[in-house]
């Protein structure tokens, strides 16, 4: 899994797979899911990131795993 924050585009992309995206769907305003050929989600893009999380320090991300 990879996370990429593009400050110029004001977007975050969460890559869930190395498979290429075959199609995309905007499931909520500014939230786009990328699908592979078998219609499995391979990526999630969040647009207008600074408006969604204005207090976030985008250079520092925190991860939490629940097992």
N, C-alpha and C. Protein backbone atom coordinates (compact mmCIF):
# COMPACT_ATOMS: atom_id res chain seq x y z
N UNK A 1 0.85 -1.16 0.00
CA UNK A 1 0.00 0.00 0.00
C UNK A 1 0.90 1.23 0.00
N UNK A 2 0.52 2.22 -0.80
CA UNK A 2 1.29 3.45 -0.89
C UNK A 2 0.33 4.64 -0.73
N UNK A 3 0.83 5.67 -0.09
CA UNK A 3 0.07 6.92 0.04
C UNK A 3 0.90 8.02 -0.59
N UNK A 4 0.26 8.80 -1.45
CA UNK A 4 0.94 9.93 -2.09
C UNK A 4 0.10 11.18 -1.86
N UNK A 5 0.74 12.22 -1.34
CA UNK A 5 0.08 13.51 -1.15
C UNK A 5 0.69 14.48 -2.14
N UNK A 6 -0.17 15.06 -2.98
CA UNK A 6 0.27 16.05 -3.97
C UNK A 6 -0.25 17.41 -3.49
N UNK A 7 0.64 18.21 -2.90
CA UNK A 7 0.20 19.49 -2.35
C UNK A 7 -0.23 20.47 -3.44
N UNK A 8 0.39 20.41 -4.61
CA UNK A 8 -0.01 21.31 -5.69
C UNK A 8 -1.41 20.98 -6.18
N UNK A 9 -1.73 19.69 -6.28
CA UNK A 9 -3.06 19.27 -6.73
C UNK A 9 -4.04 19.24 -5.57
N UNK A 10 -3.54 19.40 -4.34
CA UNK A 10 -4.37 19.35 -3.13
C UNK A 10 -5.14 18.03 -3.07
N UNK A 11 -4.39 16.93 -3.26
CA UNK A 11 -5.02 15.61 -3.34
C UNK A 11 -4.18 14.57 -2.63
N UNK A 12 -4.86 13.52 -2.20
CA UNK A 12 -4.21 12.35 -1.61
C UNK A 12 -4.61 11.15 -2.44
N UNK A 13 -3.64 10.26 -2.71
CA UNK A 13 -3.94 9.04 -3.44
C UNK A 13 -3.45 7.86 -2.63
N UNK A 14 -4.34 6.93 -2.35
CA UNK A 14 -4.02 5.70 -1.63
C UNK A 14 -4.05 4.55 -2.63
N UNK A 15 -2.88 4.01 -2.89
CA UNK A 15 -2.75 2.90 -3.84
C UNK A 15 -2.86 1.59 -3.07
N UNK A 16 -3.83 0.77 -3.40
CA UNK A 16 -4.08 -0.49 -2.71
C UNK A 16 -3.48 -1.68 -3.42
N UNK A 17 -3.05 -1.49 -4.66
CA UNK A 17 -2.55 -2.59 -5.48
C UNK A 17 -1.61 -2.04 -6.55
N UNK A 18 -0.77 -2.91 -7.08
CA UNK A 18 0.08 -2.52 -8.20
C UNK A 18 -0.62 -2.71 -9.55
N UNK A 19 -1.83 -3.26 -9.51
CA UNK A 19 -2.60 -3.44 -10.75
C UNK A 19 -2.98 -2.09 -11.33
N UNK A 20 -2.96 -1.94 -12.65
CA UNK A 20 -3.36 -0.66 -13.25
C UNK A 20 -4.86 -0.44 -13.14
N UNK A 21 -5.23 0.82 -13.05
CA UNK A 21 -6.65 1.18 -13.02
C UNK A 21 -7.25 1.02 -14.41
N UNK A 22 -8.39 0.40 -14.48
CA UNK A 22 -9.11 0.18 -15.73
C UNK A 22 -10.27 1.17 -15.86
N UNK A 23 -10.87 1.52 -14.71
CA UNK A 23 -11.97 2.47 -14.71
C UNK A 23 -11.99 3.20 -13.38
N UNK A 24 -12.75 4.29 -13.33
CA UNK A 24 -12.85 5.11 -12.12
C UNK A 24 -14.29 5.50 -11.90
N UNK A 25 -14.63 5.79 -10.65
CA UNK A 25 -15.99 6.21 -10.30
C UNK A 25 -15.90 7.20 -9.15
N UNK A 26 -16.55 8.35 -9.30
CA UNK A 26 -16.63 9.32 -8.21
C UNK A 26 -17.80 8.89 -7.32
N UNK A 27 -17.48 8.39 -6.12
CA UNK A 27 -18.49 7.82 -5.24
C UNK A 27 -19.07 8.85 -4.28
N UNK A 28 -18.40 9.97 -4.14
CA UNK A 28 -18.82 11.08 -3.31
C UNK A 28 -18.10 12.29 -3.89
N UNK A 29 -18.60 13.51 -3.70
CA UNK A 29 -17.90 14.65 -4.27
C UNK A 29 -16.43 14.69 -3.85
N UNK A 30 -15.54 14.58 -4.83
CA UNK A 30 -14.11 14.64 -4.58
C UNK A 30 -13.48 13.36 -4.08
N UNK A 31 -14.22 12.26 -4.08
CA UNK A 31 -13.68 10.95 -3.68
C UNK A 31 -13.86 10.00 -4.86
N UNK A 32 -12.74 9.54 -5.40
CA UNK A 32 -12.75 8.74 -6.62
C UNK A 32 -12.12 7.37 -6.35
N UNK A 33 -12.83 6.33 -6.74
CA UNK A 33 -12.30 4.97 -6.63
C UNK A 33 -11.81 4.53 -8.00
N UNK A 34 -10.64 3.92 -8.03
CA UNK A 34 -10.09 3.33 -9.25
C UNK A 34 -10.26 1.82 -9.16
N UNK A 35 -10.70 1.19 -10.26
CA UNK A 35 -10.96 -0.25 -10.31
C UNK A 35 -10.06 -0.91 -11.34
N UNK A 36 -9.68 -2.18 -11.08
CA UNK A 36 -8.96 -2.95 -12.08
C UNK A 36 -9.96 -3.62 -13.02
N UNK A 37 -9.50 -4.47 -13.90
CA UNK A 37 -10.39 -5.10 -14.89
C UNK A 37 -11.43 -6.04 -14.26
N UNK A 38 -11.13 -6.55 -13.05
CA UNK A 38 -12.08 -7.43 -12.35
C UNK A 38 -12.99 -6.64 -11.42
N UNK A 39 -12.97 -5.32 -11.54
CA UNK A 39 -13.79 -4.39 -10.76
C UNK A 39 -13.45 -4.42 -9.27
N UNK A 40 -12.17 -4.69 -8.95
CA UNK A 40 -11.67 -4.59 -7.58
C UNK A 40 -11.06 -3.21 -7.40
N UNK A 41 -11.26 -2.62 -6.23
CA UNK A 41 -10.70 -1.30 -5.95
C UNK A 41 -9.19 -1.41 -5.83
N UNK A 42 -8.48 -0.61 -6.64
CA UNK A 42 -7.01 -0.60 -6.60
C UNK A 42 -6.46 0.74 -6.12
N UNK A 43 -7.32 1.76 -6.00
CA UNK A 43 -6.86 3.05 -5.53
C UNK A 43 -8.00 3.95 -5.12
N UNK A 44 -7.68 4.87 -4.22
CA UNK A 44 -8.66 5.85 -3.74
C UNK A 44 -8.01 7.23 -3.81
N UNK A 45 -8.69 8.16 -4.47
CA UNK A 45 -8.19 9.53 -4.56
C UNK A 45 -9.14 10.45 -3.81
N UNK A 46 -8.56 11.35 -3.00
CA UNK A 46 -9.34 12.33 -2.26
C UNK A 46 -8.88 13.71 -2.74
N UNK A 47 -9.78 14.46 -3.35
CA UNK A 47 -9.49 15.80 -3.85
C UNK A 47 -9.83 16.84 -2.80
N UNK A 48 -9.29 18.05 -2.96
CA UNK A 48 -9.55 19.17 -2.05
C UNK A 48 -9.19 18.79 -0.62
N UNK A 49 -8.03 18.18 -0.46
CA UNK A 49 -7.60 17.65 0.82
C UNK A 49 -7.52 18.72 1.90
N UNK A 50 -7.00 19.89 1.59
CA UNK A 50 -6.85 20.94 2.61
C UNK A 50 -8.19 21.43 3.13
N UNK A 51 -9.24 21.33 2.33
CA UNK A 51 -10.58 21.73 2.78
C UNK A 51 -11.21 20.66 3.67
N UNK A 52 -10.81 19.41 3.45
CA UNK A 52 -11.37 18.29 4.22
C UNK A 52 -10.68 18.14 5.57
N UNK A 53 -9.38 18.45 5.60
CA UNK A 53 -8.58 18.28 6.81
C UNK A 53 -7.70 19.52 6.97
N UNK A 54 -8.31 20.67 7.26
CA UNK A 54 -7.54 21.91 7.24
C UNK A 54 -6.41 21.98 8.26
N UNK A 55 -6.53 21.29 9.38
CA UNK A 55 -5.49 21.37 10.40
C UNK A 55 -4.40 20.32 10.20
N UNK A 56 -4.51 19.49 9.20
CA UNK A 56 -3.56 18.40 9.00
C UNK A 56 -2.21 18.92 8.54
N UNK A 57 -1.18 18.32 9.08
CA UNK A 57 0.17 18.56 8.59
C UNK A 57 0.41 17.50 7.52
N UNK A 58 0.31 17.86 6.27
CA UNK A 58 0.35 16.89 5.17
C UNK A 58 1.73 16.28 4.96
N UNK A 59 2.74 16.82 5.62
CA UNK A 59 4.07 16.23 5.52
C UNK A 59 4.27 15.12 6.55
N UNK A 60 3.34 14.99 7.47
CA UNK A 60 3.44 14.01 8.54
C UNK A 60 2.14 13.22 8.61
N UNK A 61 2.22 11.94 8.38
CA UNK A 61 1.04 11.09 8.41
C UNK A 61 1.15 10.12 9.59
N UNK A 62 0.03 9.80 10.20
CA UNK A 62 0.00 8.85 11.31
C UNK A 62 -0.80 7.63 10.88
N UNK A 63 -0.30 6.44 11.21
CA UNK A 63 -0.96 5.20 10.84
C UNK A 63 -1.37 4.44 12.09
N UNK A 64 -2.50 3.80 12.01
CA UNK A 64 -2.96 2.99 13.11
C UNK A 64 -3.42 1.65 12.56
N UNK A 65 -2.93 0.57 13.13
CA UNK A 65 -3.34 -0.78 12.72
C UNK A 65 -4.16 -1.41 13.84
N UNK A 66 -5.26 -1.99 13.47
CA UNK A 66 -6.11 -2.68 14.44
C UNK A 66 -6.12 -4.14 14.03
N UNK A 67 -5.69 -5.01 14.89
CA UNK A 67 -5.63 -6.44 14.59
C UNK A 67 -6.71 -7.19 15.32
